[in-house]
Amino acid sequence: TNEWDAEKVCSMIESFVNDELVPAIILWRNQGGYI
């Protein structure tokens, strides 16, 4: 997780704060309880 520069990170945070569309995050929980 080191591909984004500061501008891209800030843009993502601003999108979240401004209630804009943030693409889905796909999570999976294993049988051991980790996500």
All heavy atoms as atom14 arrays in JSON, in Angstrom:
{
  "sequence": "TNEWDAEKVCSMIESFVNDELVPAIILWRNQGGYI",
  "atom14_mask": [
    [1, 1, 1, 1, 1, 1, 1, 0, 0, 0, 0, 0, 0, 0],
    [1, 1, 1, 1, 1, 1, 1, 1, 0, 0, 0, 0, 0, 0],
    [1, 1, 1, 1, 1, 1, 1, 1, 1, 0, 0, 0, 0, 0],
    [1, 1, 1, 1, 1, 1, 1, 1, 1, 1, 1, 1, 1, 1],
    [1, 1, 1, 1, 1, 1, 1, 1, 0, 0, 0, 0, 0, 0],
    [1, 1, 1, 1, 1, 0, 0, 0, 0, 0, 0, 0, 0, 0],
    [1, 1, 1, 1, 1, 1, 1, 1, 1, 0, 0, 0, 0, 0],
    [1, 1, 1, 1, 1, 1, 1, 1, 1, 0, 0, 0, 0, 0],
    [1, 1, 1, 1, 1, 1, 1, 0, 0, 0, 0, 0, 0, 0],
    [1, 1, 1, 1, 1, 1, 0, 0, 0, 0, 0, 0, 0, 0],
    [1, 1, 1, 1, 1, 1, 0, 0, 0, 0, 0, 0, 0, 0],
    [1, 1, 1, 1, 1, 1, 1, 1, 0, 0, 0, 0, 0, 0],
    [1, 1, 1, 1, 1, 1, 1, 1, 0, 0, 0, 0, 0, 0],
    [1, 1, 1, 1, 1, 1, 1, 1, 1, 0, 0, 0, 0, 0],
    [1, 1, 1, 1, 1, 1, 0, 0, 0, 0, 0, 0, 0, 0],
    [1, 1, 1, 1, 1, 1, 1, 1, 1, 1, 1, 0, 0, 0],
    [1, 1, 1, 1, 1, 1, 1, 0, 0, 0, 0, 0, 0, 0],
    [1, 1, 1, 1, 1, 1, 1, 1, 0, 0, 0, 0, 0, 0],
    [1, 1, 1, 1, 1, 1, 1, 1, 0, 0, 0, 0, 0, 0],
    [1, 1, 1, 1, 1, 1, 1, 1, 1, 0, 0, 0, 0, 0],
    [1, 1, 1, 1, 1, 1, 1, 1, 0, 0, 0, 0, 0, 0],
    [1, 1, 1, 1, 1, 1, 1, 0, 0, 0, 0, 0, 0, 0],
    [1, 1, 1, 1, 1, 1, 1, 0, 0, 0, 0, 0, 0, 0],
    [1, 1, 1, 1, 1, 0, 0, 0, 0, 0, 0, 0, 0, 0],
    [1, 1, 1, 1, 1, 1, 1, 1, 0, 0, 0, 0, 0, 0],
    [1, 1, 1, 1, 1, 1, 1, 1, 0, 0, 0, 0, 0, 0],
    [1, 1, 1, 1, 1, 1, 1, 1, 0, 0, 0, 0, 0, 0],
    [1, 1, 1, 1, 1, 1, 1, 1, 1, 1, 1, 1, 1, 1],
    [1, 1, 1, 1, 1, 1, 1, 1, 1, 1, 1, 0, 0, 0],
    [1, 1, 1, 1, 1, 1, 1, 1, 0, 0, 0, 0, 0, 0],
    [1, 1, 1, 1, 1, 1, 1, 1, 1, 0, 0, 0, 0, 0],
    [1, 1, 1, 1, 0, 0, 0, 0, 0, 0, 0, 0, 0, 0],
    [1, 1, 1, 1, 0, 0, 0, 0, 0, 0, 0, 0, 0, 0],
    [1, 1, 1, 1, 1, 1, 1, 1, 1, 1, 1, 1, 0, 0],
    [1, 1, 1, 1, 1, 1, 1, 1, 0, 0, 0, 0, 0, 0]
  ],
  "atom14_positions": [
    [[0.86, -1.17, 0.0], [0.0, 0.0, 0.0], [0.9, 1.23, 0.0], [1.05, 1.93, 1.0], [-0.93, -0.02, 1.23], [-1.51, -1.32, 1.34], [-2.05, 0.99, 1.09], [0.0, 0.0, 0.0], [0.0, 0.0, 0.0], [0.0, 0.0, 0.0], [0.0, 0.0, 0.0], [0.0, 0.0, 0.0], [0.0, 0.0, 0.0], [0.0, 0.0, 0.0]],
    [[1.52, 1.49, -1.15], [2.44, 2.62, -1.27], [2.41, 3.24, -2.66], [3.37, 3.86, -3.09], [3.86, 2.19, -0.92], [4.39, 1.14, -1.87], [3.72, 0.71, -2.8], [5.61, 0.7, -1.64], [0.0, 0.0, 0.0], [0.0, 0.0, 0.0], [0.0, 0.0, 0.0], [0.0, 0.0, 0.0], [0.0, 0.0, 0.0], [0.0, 0.0, 0.0]],
    [[1.3, 3.09, -3.36], [1.19, 3.59, -4.73], [0.66, 5.02, -4.83], [0.81, 5.66, -5.85], [0.27, 2.67, -5.54], [0.74, 1.24, -5.65], [1.95, 1.08, -6.54], [2.04, 1.78, -7.57], [2.83, 0.28, -6.17], [0.0, 0.0, 0.0], [0.0, 0.0, 0.0], [0.0, 0.0, 0.0], [0.0, 0.0, 0.0], [0.0, 0.0, 0.0]],
    [[0.01, 5.51, -3.79], [-0.64, 6.82, -3.86], [0.25, 7.92, -3.31], [0.95, 7.73, -2.33], [-1.94, 6.8, -3.07], [-3.05, 6.03, -3.69], [-2.98, 5.19, -4.78], [-4.41, 5.98, -3.27], [-4.2, 4.65, -5.05], [-5.1, 5.12, -4.14], [-5.1, 6.58, -2.23], [-6.46, 4.86, -4.01], [-6.45, 6.32, -2.09], [-7.13, 5.47, -2.98]],
    [[0.16, 9.09, -3.95], [0.86, 10.27, -3.42], [-0.08, 11.03, -2.49], [-1.25, 10.66, -2.32], [1.38, 11.16, -4.55], [0.28, 11.68, -5.47], [-0.91, 11.67, -5.09], [0.61, 12.14, -6.58], [0.0, 0.0, 0.0], [0.0, 0.0, 0.0], [0.0, 0.0, 0.0], [0.0, 0.0, 0.0], [0.0, 0.0, 0.0], [0.0, 0.0, 0.0]],
    [[0.41, 12.1, -1.89], [-0.36, 12.87, -0.91], [-1.64, 13.43, -1.53], [-2.69, 13.45, -0.87], [0.49, 14.0, -0.34], [0.0, 0.0, 0.0], [0.0, 0.0, 0.0], [0.0, 0.0, 0.0], [0.0, 0.0, 0.0], [0.0, 0.0, 0.0], [0.0, 0.0, 0.0], [0.0, 0.0, 0.0], [0.0, 0.0, 0.0], [0.0, 0.0, 0.0]],
    [[-1.58, 13.86, -2.77], [-2.76, 14.41, -3.43], [-3.87, 13.37, -3.56], [-5.04, 13.66, -3.32], [-2.38, 14.95, -4.81], [-3.5, 15.66, -5.52], [-3.05, 16.28, -6.83], [-1.91, 16.77, -6.9], [-3.85, 16.26, -7.78], [0.0, 0.0, 0.0], [0.0, 0.0, 0.0], [0.0, 0.0, 0.0], [0.0, 0.0, 0.0], [0.0, 0.0, 0.0]],
    [[-3.51, 12.16, -3.92], [-4.51, 11.09, -4.08], [-5.1, 10.7, -2.72], [-6.31, 10.47, -2.6], [-3.85, 9.88, -4.75], [-4.77, 8.75, -5.04], [-5.13, 8.68, -6.47], [-5.99, 7.46, -6.7], [-6.44, 7.34, -8.03], [0.0, 0.0, 0.0], [0.0, 0.0, 0.0], [0.0, 0.0, 0.0], [0.0, 0.0, 0.0], [0.0, 0.0, 0.0]],
    [[-4.27, 10.62, -1.69], [-4.75, 10.3, -0.34], [-5.71, 11.39, 0.13], [-6.8, 11.1, 0.63], [-3.57, 10.13, 0.66], [-4.07, 10.04, 2.09], [-2.75, 8.89, 0.3], [0.0, 0.0, 0.0], [0.0, 0.0, 0.0], [0.0, 0.0, 0.0], [0.0, 0.0, 0.0], [0.0, 0.0, 0.0], [0.0, 0.0, 0.0], [0.0, 0.0, 0.0]],
    [[-5.33, 12.66, -0.06], [-6.2, 13.78, 0.34], [-7.51, 13.76, -0.43], [-8.58, 14.01, 0.15], [-5.48, 15.11, 0.12], [-4.22, 15.45, 1.34], [0.0, 0.0, 0.0], [0.0, 0.0, 0.0], [0.0, 0.0, 0.0], [0.0, 0.0, 0.0], [0.0, 0.0, 0.0], [0.0, 0.0, 0.0], [0.0, 0.0, 0.0], [0.0, 0.0, 0.0]],
    [[-7.44, 13.45, -1.7], [-8.66, 13.38, -2.53], [-9.61, 12.31, -2.01], [-10.82, 12.51, -1.96], [-8.27, 13.12, -3.98], [-9.41, 12.98, -4.78], [0.0, 0.0, 0.0], [0.0, 0.0, 0.0], [0.0, 0.0, 0.0], [0.0, 0.0, 0.0], [0.0, 0.0, 0.0], [0.0, 0.0, 0.0], [0.0, 0.0, 0.0], [0.0, 0.0, 0.0]],
    [[-9.07, 11.18, -1.62], [-9.89, 10.1, -1.08], [-10.57, 10.54, 0.22], [-11.76, 10.33, 0.41], [-9.02, 8.86, -0.85], [-9.67, 7.73, -0.11], [-11.09, 7.07, -0.96], [-12.01, 6.52, 0.44], [0.0, 0.0, 0.0], [0.0, 0.0, 0.0], [0.0, 0.0, 0.0], [0.0, 0.0, 0.0], [0.0, 0.0, 0.0], [0.0, 0.0, 0.0]],
    [[-9.81, 11.16, 1.1], [-10.35, 11.61, 2.38], [-11.42, 12.69, 2.15], [-12.48, 12.65, 2.77], [-9.22, 12.11, 3.3], [-8.31, 10.94, 3.67], [-9.78, 12.78, 4.55], [-6.98, 11.34, 4.28], [0.0, 0.0, 0.0], [0.0, 0.0, 0.0], [0.0, 0.0, 0.0], [0.0, 0.0, 0.0], [0.0, 0.0, 0.0], [0.0, 0.0, 0.0]],
    [[-11.15, 13.62, 1.25], [-12.12, 14.67, 0.94], [-13.41, 14.08, 0.38], [-14.51, 14.53, 0.73], [-11.53, 15.67, -0.04], [-10.52, 16.6, 0.59], [-9.83, 17.5, -0.42], [-10.03, 17.34, -1.65], [-9.08, 18.38, 0.03], [0.0, 0.0, 0.0], [0.0, 0.0, 0.0], [0.0, 0.0, 0.0], [0.0, 0.0, 0.0], [0.0, 0.0, 0.0]],
    [[-13.3, 13.08, -0.47], [-14.5, 12.42, -1.02], [-15.33, 11.82, 0.09], [-16.56, 11.94, 0.1], [-14.1, 11.33, -2.02], [-13.51, 11.88, -3.15], [0.0, 0.0, 0.0], [0.0, 0.0, 0.0], [0.0, 0.0, 0.0], [0.0, 0.0, 0.0], [0.0, 0.0, 0.0], [0.0, 0.0, 0.0], [0.0, 0.0, 0.0], [0.0, 0.0, 0.0]],
    [[-14.68, 11.2, 1.04], [-15.38, 10.6, 2.17], [-16.05, 11.67, 3.03], [-17.23, 11.57, 3.36], [-14.4, 9.76, 3.01], [-15.0, 9.17, 4.24], [-15.77, 8.02, 4.15], [-14.82, 9.76, 5.48], [-16.35, 7.47, 5.29], [-15.38, 9.21, 6.62], [-16.15, 8.07, 6.52], [0.0, 0.0, 0.0], [0.0, 0.0, 0.0], [0.0, 0.0, 0.0]],
    [[-15.29, 12.7, 3.39], [-15.81, 13.77, 4.25], [-16.97, 14.5, 3.58], [-17.95, 14.86, 4.23], [-14.67, 14.76, 4.62], [-15.22, 16.01, 5.27], [-13.67, 14.08, 5.53], [0.0, 0.0, 0.0], [0.0, 0.0, 0.0], [0.0, 0.0, 0.0], [0.0, 0.0, 0.0], [0.0, 0.0, 0.0], [0.0, 0.0, 0.0], [0.0, 0.0, 0.0]],
    [[-16.89, 14.69, 2.27], [-17.92, 15.41, 1.53], [-19.08, 14.52, 1.09], [-19.92, 14.94, 0.31], [-17.31, 16.11, 0.31], [-16.35, 17.21, 0.71], [-16.51, 17.84, 1.75], [-15.33, 17.42, -0.1], [0.0, 0.0, 0.0], [0.0, 0.0, 0.0], [0.0, 0.0, 0.0], [0.0, 0.0, 0.0], [0.0, 0.0, 0.0], [0.0, 0.0, 0.0]],
    [[-19.09, 13.27, 1.6], [-20.17, 12.33, 1.31], [-20.32, 12.07, -0.19], [-21.42, 11.9, -0.71], [-21.49, 12.83, 1.9], [-22.47, 11.7, 2.18], [-22.01, 10.54, 2.33], [-23.68, 11.97, 2.21], [0.0, 0.0, 0.0], [0.0, 0.0, 0.0], [0.0, 0.0, 0.0], [0.0, 0.0, 0.0], [0.0, 0.0, 0.0], [0.0, 0.0, 0.0]],
    [[-19.19, 12.04, -0.87], [-19.18, 11.72, -2.29], [-19.03, 10.21, -2.47], [-18.76, 9.48, -1.52], [-18.02, 12.45, -2.99], [-18.15, 13.96, -2.94], [-16.93, 14.68, -3.47], [-15.94, 14.01, -3.86], [-16.94, 15.92, -3.46], [0.0, 0.0, 0.0], [0.0, 0.0, 0.0], [0.0, 0.0, 0.0], [0.0, 0.0, 0.0], [0.0, 0.0, 0.0]],
    [[-19.18, 9.78, -3.69], [-19.08, 8.35, -3.99], [-17.66, 7.85, -3.72], [-16.69, 8.4, -4.21], [-19.44, 8.09, -5.45], [-19.32, 6.63, -5.91], [-20.33, 5.77, -5.17], [-19.51, 6.53, -7.4], [0.0, 0.0, 0.0], [0.0, 0.0, 0.0], [0.0, 0.0, 0.0], [0.0, 0.0, 0.0], [0.0, 0.0, 0.0], [0.0, 0.0, 0.0]],
    [[-17.58, 6.83, -2.9], [-16.32, 6.12, -2.65], [-16.55, 4.7, -3.13], [-17.49, 4.04, -2.67], [-15.95, 6.14, -1.15], [-14.73, 5.29, -0.88], [-15.73, 7.57, -0.67], [0.0, 0.0, 0.0], [0.0, 0.0, 0.0], [0.0, 0.0, 0.0], [0.0, 0.0, 0.0], [0.0, 0.0, 0.0], [0.0, 0.0, 0.0], [0.0, 0.0, 0.0]],
    [[-15.74, 4.22, -4.07], [-15.96, 2.85, -4.57], [-15.97, 1.82, -3.45], [-15.34, 2.01, -2.4], [-14.76, 2.62, -5.5], [-14.35, 4.0, -5.91], [-14.61, 4.88, -4.71], [0.0, 0.0, 0.0], [0.0, 0.0, 0.0], [0.0, 0.0, 0.0], [0.0, 0.0, 0.0], [0.0, 0.0, 0.0], [0.0, 0.0, 0.0], [0.0, 0.0, 0.0]],
    [[-16.7, 0.76, -3.67], [-16.86, -0.29, -2.67], [-15.51, -0.87, -2.25], [-14.57, -0.94, -3.04], [-17.75, -1.4, -3.22], [0.0, 0.0, 0.0], [0.0, 0.0, 0.0], [0.0, 0.0, 0.0], [0.0, 0.0, 0.0], [0.0, 0.0, 0.0], [0.0, 0.0, 0.0], [0.0, 0.0, 0.0], [0.0, 0.0, 0.0], [0.0, 0.0, 0.0]],
    [[-15.46, -1.27, -1.02], [-14.31, -1.99, -0.47], [-14.79, -3.41, -0.22], [-15.82, -3.61, 0.42], [-13.81, -1.31, 0.82], [-13.28, 0.08, 0.49], [-12.77, -2.17, 1.51], [-12.98, 0.93, 1.69], [0.0, 0.0, 0.0], [0.0, 0.0, 0.0], [0.0, 0.0, 0.0], [0.0, 0.0, 0.0], [0.0, 0.0, 0.0], [0.0, 0.0, 0.0]],
    [[-14.06, -4.36, -0.75], [-14.48, -5.76, -0.62], [-13.68, -6.42, 0.49], [-12.45, -6.45, 0.46], [-14.3, -6.51, -1.95], [-15.15, -5.85, -3.04], [-14.68, -7.99, -1.79], [-14.92, -6.38, -4.43], [0.0, 0.0, 0.0], [0.0, 0.0, 0.0], [0.0, 0.0, 0.0], [0.0, 0.0, 0.0], [0.0, 0.0, 0.0], [0.0, 0.0, 0.0]],
    [[-14.41, -6.94, 1.47], [-13.81, -7.6, 2.63], [-14.29, -9.04, 2.7], [-15.39, -9.36, 2.25], [-14.22, -6.87, 3.92], [-13.91, -5.37, 3.99], [-14.54, -4.77, 5.24], [-12.42, -5.13, 3.97], [0.0, 0.0, 0.0], [0.0, 0.0, 0.0], [0.0, 0.0, 0.0], [0.0, 0.0, 0.0], [0.0, 0.0, 0.0], [0.0, 0.0, 0.0]],
    [[-13.46, -9.89, 3.3], [-13.82, -11.29, 3.49], [-13.32, -11.73, 4.86], [-12.18, -11.45, 5.23], [-13.17, -12.15, 2.4], [-13.34, -13.62, 2.6], [-14.46, -14.35, 2.41], [-12.32, -14.55, 3.03], [-14.22, -15.67, 2.7], [-12.92, -15.82, 3.08], [-10.99, -14.41, 3.38], [-12.21, -16.95, 3.47], [-10.28, -15.52, 3.77], [-10.9, -16.79, 3.8]],
    [[-14.19, -12.37, 5.62], [-13.8, -12.87, 6.95], [-13.49, -14.36, 6.86], [-14.32, -15.15, 6.41], [-14.9, -12.61, 7.97], [-14.46, -12.98, 9.38], [-15.48, -12.67, 10.44], [-16.73, -13.32, 10.14], [-17.93, -12.75, 10.27], [-18.03, -11.52, 10.67], [-19.01, -13.42, 9.99], [0.0, 0.0, 0.0], [0.0, 0.0, 0.0], [0.0, 0.0, 0.0]],
    [[-12.3, -14.73, 7.3], [-11.94, -16.15, 7.28], [-12.55, -16.85, 8.5], [-13.12, -16.22, 9.38], [-10.42, -16.35, 7.19], [-9.68, -16.07, 8.48], [-10.22, -15.55, 9.45], [-8.4, -16.41, 8.5], [0.0, 0.0, 0.0], [0.0, 0.0, 0.0], [0.0, 0.0, 0.0], [0.0, 0.0, 0.0], [0.0, 0.0, 0.0], [0.0, 0.0, 0.0]],
    [[-12.4, -18.16, 8.55], [-12.97, -18.93, 9.66], [-12.29, -18.62, 10.98], [-12.85, -18.85, 12.04], [-12.88, -20.43, 9.37], [-13.82, -20.86, 8.27], [-13.75, -22.36, 8.03], [-12.82, -23.04, 8.44], [-14.76, -22.88, 7.35], [0.0, 0.0, 0.0], [0.0, 0.0, 0.0], [0.0, 0.0, 0.0], [0.0, 0.0, 0.0], [0.0, 0.0, 0.0]],
    [[-11.1, -18.07, 10.92], [-10.38, -17.71, 12.13], [-10.79, -16.37, 12.71], [-10.33, -15.99, 13.77], [0.0, 0.0, 0.0], [0.0, 0.0, 0.0], [0.0, 0.0, 0.0], [0.0, 0.0, 0.0], [0.0, 0.0, 0.0], [0.0, 0.0, 0.0], [0.0, 0.0, 0.0], [0.0, 0.0, 0.0], [0.0, 0.0, 0.0], [0.0, 0.0, 0.0]],
    [[-11.63, -15.62, 12.01], [-12.12, -14.36, 12.54], [-11.44, -13.12, 12.0], [-11.83, -12.01, 12.35], [0.0, 0.0, 0.0], [0.0, 0.0, 0.0], [0.0, 0.0, 0.0], [0.0, 0.0, 0.0], [0.0, 0.0, 0.0], [0.0, 0.0, 0.0], [0.0, 0.0, 0.0], [0.0, 0.0, 0.0], [0.0, 0.0, 0.0], [0.0, 0.0, 0.0]],
    [[-10.4, -13.28, 11.18], [-9.74, -12.12, 10.6], [-10.54, -11.61, 9.4], [-11.19, -12.39, 8.7], [-8.32, -12.44, 10.18], [-7.37, -12.48, 11.34], [-6.95, -13.68, 11.88], [-6.9, -11.3, 11.91], [-6.09, -13.72, 12.97], [-6.04, -11.32, 12.99], [-5.63, -12.53, 13.5], [-4.78, -12.56, 14.58], [0.0, 0.0, 0.0], [0.0, 0.0, 0.0]],
    [[-10.47, -10.31, 9.16], [-11.17, -9.68, 8.05], [-10.13, -9.26, 7.02], [-9.27, -8.42, 7.31], [-11.97, -8.46, 8.54], [-12.95, -8.89, 9.62], [-12.68, -7.78, 7.38], [-13.51, -7.75, 10.44], [0.0, 0.0, 0.0], [0.0, 0.0, 0.0], [0.0, 0.0, 0.0], [0.0, 0.0, 0.0], [0.0, 0.0, 0.0], [0.0, 0.0, 0.0]]
  ]
}
